[in-house]
Amino acid sequence: MFVPVGTNIETLPPEKRYDLGDLEFEKTIDIEPGEKRIALNTDEAIRNIEMSGYYVQGTKIEIRMNAG
């Protein structure tokens, strides 16, 4: 989860805190609009932080099996 520096995680929506489990600080990074980062859409992250105060980075895993 990405939040602005100094955010009190207790102010985040309870359902997000529940969905994500225990949160702990990992590191501080600066992101800029249009910046290219592996597995992070910086424009989407900034937009969500500005609108909601946080951004949850998700991962989609798709498994396809063919029989035969």
PDB file of N, CA and C in Angstrom:
ATOM      1  N   MET A   1       0.842  -1.157   0.000  1.00  0.00           N
ATOM      2  CA  MET A   1       0.000   0.000   0.000  1.00  0.00           C
ATOM      3  C   MET A   1       0.892   1.226   0.000  1.00  0.00           C
ATOM      4  N   PHE A   2       0.543   2.191  -0.817  1.00  0.00           N
ATOM      5  CA  PHE A   2       1.253   3.457  -0.889  1.00  0.00           C
ATOM      6  C   PHE A   2       0.412   4.527  -0.207  1.00  0.00           C
ATOM      7  N   VAL A   3       1.032   5.313   0.652  1.00  0.00           N
ATOM      8  CA  VAL A   3       0.368   6.427   1.329  1.00  0.00           C
ATOM      9  C   VAL A   3       1.331   7.598   1.375  1.00  0.00           C
ATOM     10  N   PRO A   4       0.805   8.819   1.503  1.00  0.00           N
ATOM     11  CA  PRO A   4       1.710   9.965   1.644  1.00  0.00           C
ATOM     12  C   PRO A   4       2.523   9.862   2.933  1.00  0.00           C
ATOM     13  N   VAL A   5       3.700  10.437   2.918  1.00  0.00           N
ATOM     14  CA  VAL A   5       4.567  10.457   4.099  1.00  0.00           C
ATOM     15  C   VAL A   5       3.791  11.040   5.277  1.00  0.00           C
ATOM     16  N   GLY A   6       3.914  10.412   6.429  1.00  0.00           N
ATOM     17  CA  GLY A   6       3.284  10.908   7.646  1.00  0.00           C
ATOM     18  C   GLY A   6       1.857  10.445   7.861  1.00  0.00           C
ATOM     19  N   THR A   7       1.342   9.597   6.968  1.00  0.00           N
ATOM     20  CA  THR A   7      -0.033   9.117   7.106  1.00  0.00           C
ATOM     21  C   THR A   7      -0.154   8.200   8.312  1.00  0.00           C
ATOM     22  N   ASN A   8      -1.153   8.433   9.117  1.00  0.00           N
ATOM     23  CA  ASN A   8      -1.479   7.559  10.235  1.00  0.00           C
ATOM     24  C   ASN A   8      -2.356   6.438   9.679  1.00  0.00           C
ATOM     25  N   ILE A   9      -1.864   5.206   9.682  1.00  0.00           N
ATOM     26  CA  ILE A   9      -2.628   4.111   9.072  1.00  0.00           C
ATOM     27  C   ILE A   9      -3.975   3.872   9.758  1.00  0.00           C
ATOM     28  N   GLU A  10      -4.134   4.377  10.973  1.00  0.00           N
ATOM     29  CA  GLU A  10      -5.417   4.242  11.664  1.00  0.00           C
ATOM     30  C   GLU A  10      -6.511   5.057  10.979  1.00  0.00           C
ATOM     31  N   THR A  11      -6.123   6.025  10.133  1.00  0.00           N
ATOM     32  CA  THR A  11      -7.107   6.847   9.433  1.00  0.00           C
ATOM     33  C   THR A  11      -7.545   6.211   8.112  1.00  0.00           C
ATOM     34  N   LEU A  12      -6.906   5.122   7.718  1.00  0.00           N
ATOM     35  CA  LEU A  12      -7.296   4.437   6.486  1.00  0.00           C
ATOM     36  C   LEU A  12      -8.601   3.687   6.714  1.00  0.00           C
ATOM     37  N   PRO A  13      -9.385   3.456   5.654  1.00  0.00           N
ATOM     38  CA  PRO A  13     -10.659   2.756   5.810  1.00  0.00           C
ATOM     39  C   PRO A  13     -10.466   1.398   6.495  1.00  0.00           C
ATOM     40  N   PRO A  14     -11.304   1.087   7.479  1.00  0.00           N
ATOM     41  CA  PRO A  14     -11.165  -0.178   8.219  1.00  0.00           C
ATOM     42  C   PRO A  14     -11.181  -1.406   7.313  1.00  0.00           C
ATOM     43  N   GLU A  15     -11.991  -1.388   6.266  1.00  0.00           N
ATOM     44  CA  GLU A  15     -12.054  -2.561   5.375  1.00  0.00           C
ATOM     45  C   GLU A  15     -10.734  -2.792   4.651  1.00  0.00           C
ATOM     46  N   LYS A  16     -10.015  -1.722   4.326  1.00  0.00           N
ATOM     47  CA  LYS A  16      -8.703  -1.877   3.684  1.00  0.00           C
ATOM     48  C   LYS A  16      -7.697  -2.435   4.676  1.00  0.00           C
ATOM     49  N   ARG A  17      -7.715  -1.913   5.901  1.00  0.00           N
ATOM     50  CA  ARG A  17      -6.795  -2.430   6.926  1.00  0.00           C
ATOM     51  C   ARG A  17      -7.082  -3.901   7.188  1.00  0.00           C
ATOM     52  N   TYR A  18      -8.349  -4.289   7.185  1.00  0.00           N
ATOM     53  CA  TYR A  18      -8.716  -5.687   7.413  1.00  0.00           C
ATOM     54  C   TYR A  18      -8.255  -6.560   6.241  1.00  0.00           C
ATOM     55  N   ASP A  19      -8.526  -6.103   5.015  1.00  0.00           N
ATOM     56  CA  ASP A  19      -8.154  -6.874   3.819  1.00  0.00           C
ATOM     57  C   ASP A  19      -6.650  -7.105   3.730  1.00  0.00           C
ATOM     58  N   LEU A  20      -5.871  -6.116   4.126  1.00  0.00           N
ATOM     59  CA  LEU A  20      -4.422  -6.187   3.980  1.00  0.00           C
ATOM     60  C   LEU A  20      -3.713  -6.801   5.183  1.00  0.00           C
ATOM     61  N   GLY A  21      -4.403  -6.936   6.285  1.00  0.00           N
ATOM     62  CA  GLY A  21      -3.769  -7.501   7.477  1.00  0.00           C
ATOM     63  C   GLY A  21      -2.886  -6.471   8.150  1.00  0.00           C
ATOM     64  N   ASP A  22      -1.947  -6.945   8.931  1.00  0.00           N
ATOM     65  CA  ASP A  22      -1.047  -6.041   9.648  1.00  0.00           C
ATOM     66  C   ASP A  22      -0.174  -5.283   8.662  1.00  0.00           C
ATOM     67  N   LEU A  23      -0.149  -3.975   8.804  1.00  0.00           N
ATOM     68  CA  LEU A  23       0.676  -3.134   7.940  1.00  0.00           C
ATOM     69  C   LEU A  23       1.873  -2.639   8.721  1.00  0.00           C
ATOM     70  N   GLU A  24       2.995  -2.554   8.037  1.00  0.00           N
ATOM     71  CA  GLU A  24       4.177  -1.980   8.662  1.00  0.00           C
ATOM     72  C   GLU A  24       4.944  -1.199   7.614  1.00  0.00           C
ATOM     73  N   PHE A  25       5.658  -0.179   8.065  1.00  0.00           N
ATOM     74  CA  PHE A  25       6.432   0.656   7.169  1.00  0.00           C
ATOM     75  C   PHE A  25       7.544  -0.161   6.528  1.00  0.00           C
ATOM     76  N   GLU A  26       7.672  -0.032   5.220  1.00  0.00           N
ATOM     77  CA  GLU A  26       8.754  -0.729   4.531  1.00  0.00           C
ATOM     78  C   GLU A  26       9.809   0.242   4.040  1.00  0.00           C
ATOM     79  N   LYS A  27       9.404   1.226   3.256  1.00  0.00           N
ATOM     80  CA  LYS A  27      10.378   2.197   2.765  1.00  0.00           C
ATOM     81  C   LYS A  27       9.653   3.403   2.183  1.00  0.00           C
ATOM     82  N   THR A  28      10.390   4.466   2.007  1.00  0.00           N
ATOM     83  CA  THR A  28       9.871   5.687   1.398  1.00  0.00           C
ATOM     84  C   THR A  28      10.409   5.770  -0.017  1.00  0.00           C
ATOM     85  N   ILE A  29       9.513   6.026  -0.963  1.00  0.00           N
ATOM     86  CA  ILE A  29       9.942   6.251  -2.344  1.00  0.00           C
ATOM     87  C   ILE A  29       9.232   7.490  -2.873  1.00  0.00           C
ATOM     88  N   ASP A  30       9.884   8.194  -3.757  1.00  0.00           N
ATOM     89  CA  ASP A  30       9.279   9.322  -4.446  1.00  0.00           C
ATOM     90  C   ASP A  30       8.822   8.829  -5.804  1.00  0.00           C
ATOM     91  N   ILE A  31       7.588   9.169  -6.160  1.00  0.00           N
ATOM     92  CA  ILE A  31       7.107   8.815  -7.495  1.00  0.00           C
ATOM     93  C   ILE A  31       6.647  10.082  -8.197  1.00  0.00           C
ATOM     94  N   GLU A  32       6.884  10.131  -9.495  1.00  0.00           N
ATOM     95  CA  GLU A  32       6.542  11.285 -10.317  1.00  0.00           C
ATOM     96  C   GLU A  32       5.586  10.851 -11.424  1.00  0.00           C
ATOM     97  N   PRO A  33       4.669  11.719 -11.828  1.00  0.00           N
ATOM     98  CA  PRO A  33       3.768  11.379 -12.935  1.00  0.00           C
ATOM     99  C   PRO A  33       4.557  10.973 -14.175  1.00  0.00           C
ATOM    100  N   GLY A  34       4.079   9.932 -14.828  1.00  0.00           N
ATOM    101  CA  GLY A  34       4.711   9.471 -16.060  1.00  0.00           C
ATOM    102  C   GLY A  34       5.973   8.657 -15.870  1.00  0.00           C
ATOM    103  N   GLU A  35       6.423   8.541 -14.642  1.00  0.00           N
ATOM    104  CA  GLU A  35       7.651   7.798 -14.361  1.00  0.00           C
ATOM    105  C   GLU A  35       7.421   6.310 -14.624  1.00  0.00           C
ATOM    106  N   LYS A  36       8.382   5.653 -15.205  1.00  0.00           N
ATOM    107  CA  LYS A  36       8.304   4.223 -15.489  1.00  0.00           C
ATOM    108  C   LYS A  36       8.907   3.446 -14.330  1.00  0.00           C
ATOM    109  N   ARG A  37       8.100   2.579 -13.735  1.00  0.00           N
ATOM    110  CA  ARG A  37       8.567   1.709 -12.654  1.00  0.00           C
ATOM    111  C   ARG A  37       8.023   0.316 -12.905  1.00  0.00           C
ATOM    112  N   ILE A  38       8.824  -0.670 -12.594  1.00  0.00           N
ATOM    113  CA  ILE A  38       8.398  -2.052 -12.773  1.00  0.00           C
ATOM    114  C   ILE A  38       7.217  -2.330 -11.857  1.00  0.00           C
ATOM    115  N   ALA A  39       6.145  -2.868 -12.416  1.00  0.00           N
ATOM    116  CA  ALA A  39       4.947  -3.300 -11.694  1.00  0.00           C
ATOM    117  C   ALA A  39       4.234  -2.168 -10.955  1.00  0.00           C
ATOM    118  N   LEU A  40       4.447  -0.910 -11.367  1.00  0.00           N
ATOM    119  CA  LEU A  40       3.742   0.198 -10.739  1.00  0.00           C
ATOM    120  C   LEU A  40       3.354   1.220 -11.792  1.00  0.00           C
ATOM    121  N   ASN A  41       2.071   1.479 -11.897  1.00  0.00           N
ATOM    122  CA  ASN A  41       1.576   2.541 -12.760  1.00  0.00           C
ATOM    123  C   ASN A  41       1.578   3.811 -11.916  1.00  0.00           C
ATOM    124  N   THR A  42       2.591   4.638 -12.070  1.00  0.00           N
ATOM    125  CA  THR A  42       2.755   5.806 -11.212  1.00  0.00           C
ATOM    126  C   THR A  42       1.597   6.787 -11.357  1.00  0.00           C
ATOM    127  N   ASP A  43       1.091   6.966 -12.562  1.00  0.00           N
ATOM    128  CA  ASP A  43      -0.031   7.890 -12.760  1.00  0.00           C
ATOM    129  C   ASP A  43      -1.261   7.416 -11.985  1.00  0.00           C
ATOM    130  N   GLU A  44      -1.551   6.131 -12.052  1.00  0.00           N
ATOM    131  CA  GLU A  44      -2.682   5.566 -11.319  1.00  0.00           C
ATOM    132  C   GLU A  44      -2.470   5.694  -9.810  1.00  0.00           C
ATOM    133  N   ALA A  45      -1.263   5.412  -9.350  1.00  0.00           N
ATOM    134  CA  ALA A  45      -0.958   5.506  -7.927  1.00  0.00           C
ATOM    135  C   ALA A  45      -1.148   6.933  -7.425  1.00  0.00           C
ATOM    136  N   ILE A  46      -0.614   7.906  -8.135  1.00  0.00           N
ATOM    137  CA  ILE A  46      -0.733   9.306  -7.732  1.00  0.00           C
ATOM    138  C   ILE A  46      -2.192   9.738  -7.732  1.00  0.00           C
ATOM    139  N   ARG A  47      -2.921   9.361  -8.767  1.00  0.00           N
ATOM    140  CA  ARG A  47      -4.340   9.717  -8.867  1.00  0.00           C
ATOM    141  C   ARG A  47      -5.125   9.159  -7.675  1.00  0.00           C
ATOM    142  N   ASN A  48      -4.887   7.889  -7.333  1.00  0.00           N
ATOM    143  CA  ASN A  48      -5.591   7.271  -6.211  1.00  0.00           C
ATOM    144  C   ASN A  48      -5.197   7.882  -4.874  1.00  0.00           C
ATOM    145  N   ILE A  49      -3.929   8.193  -4.711  1.00  0.00           N
ATOM    146  CA  ILE A  49      -3.481   8.831  -3.463  1.00  0.00           C
ATOM    147  C   ILE A  49      -4.139  10.191  -3.311  1.00  0.00           C
ATOM    148  N   GLU A  50      -4.213  10.955  -4.401  1.00  0.00           N
ATOM    149  CA  GLU A  50      -4.850  12.269  -4.344  1.00  0.00           C
ATOM    150  C   GLU A  50      -6.343  12.168  -4.043  1.00  0.00           C
ATOM    151  N   MET A  51      -7.013  11.147  -4.580  1.00  0.00           N
ATOM    152  CA  MET A  51      -8.460  10.989  -4.394  1.00  0.00           C
ATOM    153  C   MET A  51      -8.817  10.319  -3.075  1.00  0.00           C
ATOM    154  N   SER A  52      -8.072   9.278  -2.697  1.00  0.00           N
ATOM    155  CA  SER A  52      -8.456   8.447  -1.551  1.00  0.00           C
ATOM    156  C   SER A  52      -7.500   8.522  -0.376  1.00  0.00           C
ATOM    157  N   GLY A  53      -6.301   9.029  -0.619  1.00  0.00           N
ATOM    158  CA  GLY A  53      -5.316   9.090   0.446  1.00  0.00           C
ATOM    159  C   GLY A  53      -4.439   7.858   0.520  1.00  0.00           C
ATOM    160  N   TYR A  54      -4.651   6.899  -0.399  1.00  0.00           N
ATOM    161  CA  TYR A  54      -3.835   5.686  -0.423  1.00  0.00           C
ATOM    162  C   TYR A  54      -3.941   5.041  -1.802  1.00  0.00           C
ATOM    163  N   TYR A  55      -3.046   4.106  -2.064  1.00  0.00           N
ATOM    164  CA  TYR A  55      -3.086   3.313  -3.291  1.00  0.00           C
ATOM    165  C   TYR A  55      -2.663   1.897  -2.941  1.00  0.00           C
ATOM    166  N   VAL A  56      -3.508   0.944  -3.305  1.00  0.00           N
ATOM    167  CA  VAL A  56      -3.182  -0.461  -3.085  1.00  0.00           C
ATOM    168  C   VAL A  56      -2.696  -1.024  -4.406  1.00  0.00           C
ATOM    169  N   GLN A  57      -1.460  -1.485  -4.404  1.00  0.00           N
ATOM    170  CA  GLN A  57      -0.883  -2.071  -5.607  1.00  0.00           C
ATOM    171  C   GLN A  57      -1.299  -3.522  -5.658  1.00  0.00           C
ATOM    172  N   GLY A  58      -1.972  -3.891  -6.714  1.00  0.00           N
ATOM    173  CA  GLY A  58      -2.453  -5.257  -6.845  1.00  0.00           C
ATOM    174  C   GLY A  58      -1.670  -6.031  -7.875  1.00  0.00           C
ATOM    175  N   THR A  59      -1.803  -7.305  -7.795  1.00  0.00           N
ATOM    176  CA  THR A  59      -1.183  -8.205  -8.749  1.00  0.00           C
ATOM    177  C   THR A  59      -2.244  -9.155  -9.250  1.00  0.00           C
ATOM    178  N   LYS A  60      -2.286  -9.346 -10.537  1.00  0.00           N
ATOM    179  CA  LYS A  60      -3.242 -10.271 -11.122  1.00  0.00           C
ATOM    180  C   LYS A  60      -2.470 -11.471 -11.645  1.00  0.00           C
ATOM    181  N   ILE A  61      -2.881 -12.626 -11.203  1.00  0.00           N
ATOM    182  CA  ILE A  61      -2.260 -13.869 -11.663  1.00  0.00           C
ATOM    183  C   ILE A  61      -3.335 -14.676 -12.375  1.00  0.00           C
ATOM    184  N   GLU A  62      -3.038 -15.055 -13.580  1.00  0.00           N
ATOM    185  CA  GLU A  62      -3.998 -15.833 -14.371  1.00  0.00           C
ATOM    186  C   GLU A  62      -3.352 -17.147 -14.752  1.00  0.00           C
ATOM    187  N   ILE A  63      -4.036 -18.227 -14.456  1.00  0.00           N
ATOM    188  CA  ILE A  63      -3.522 -19.554 -14.781  1.00  0.00           C
ATOM    189  C   ILE A  63      -4.488 -20.203 -15.760  1.00  0.00           C
ATOM    190  N   ARG A  64      -3.969 -20.675 -16.856  1.00  0.00           N
ATOM    191  CA  ARG A  64      -4.786 -21.345 -17.861  1.00  0.00           C
ATOM    192  C   ARG A  64      -4.263 -22.762 -18.043  1.00  0.00           C
ATOM    193  N   MET A  65      -5.167 -23.689 -18.046  1.00  0.00           N
ATOM    194  CA  MET A  65      -4.783 -25.090 -18.246  1.00  0.00           C
ATOM    195  C   MET A  65      -5.534 -25.617 -19.460  1.00  0.00           C
ATOM    196  N   ASN A  66      -4.823 -26.295 -20.308  1.00  0.00           N
ATOM    197  CA  ASN A  66      -5.442 -26.911 -21.478  1.00  0.00           C
ATOM    198  C   ASN A  66      -5.408 -28.413 -21.305  1.00  0.00           C
ATOM    199  N   ALA A  67      -6.540 -29.011 -21.460  1.00  0.00           N
ATOM    200  CA  ALA A  67      -6.615 -30.482 -21.368  1.00  0.00           C
ATOM    201  C   ALA A  67      -6.431 -31.062 -22.769  1.00  0.00           C
ATOM    202  N   GLY A  68      -5.696 -32.114 -22.806  1.00  0.00           N
ATOM    203  CA  GLY A  68      -5.685 -32.793 -24.073  1.00  0.00           C
ATOM    204  C   GLY A  68      -4.404 -33.017 -24.680  1.00  0.00           C
TER     205      GLY A  68
END
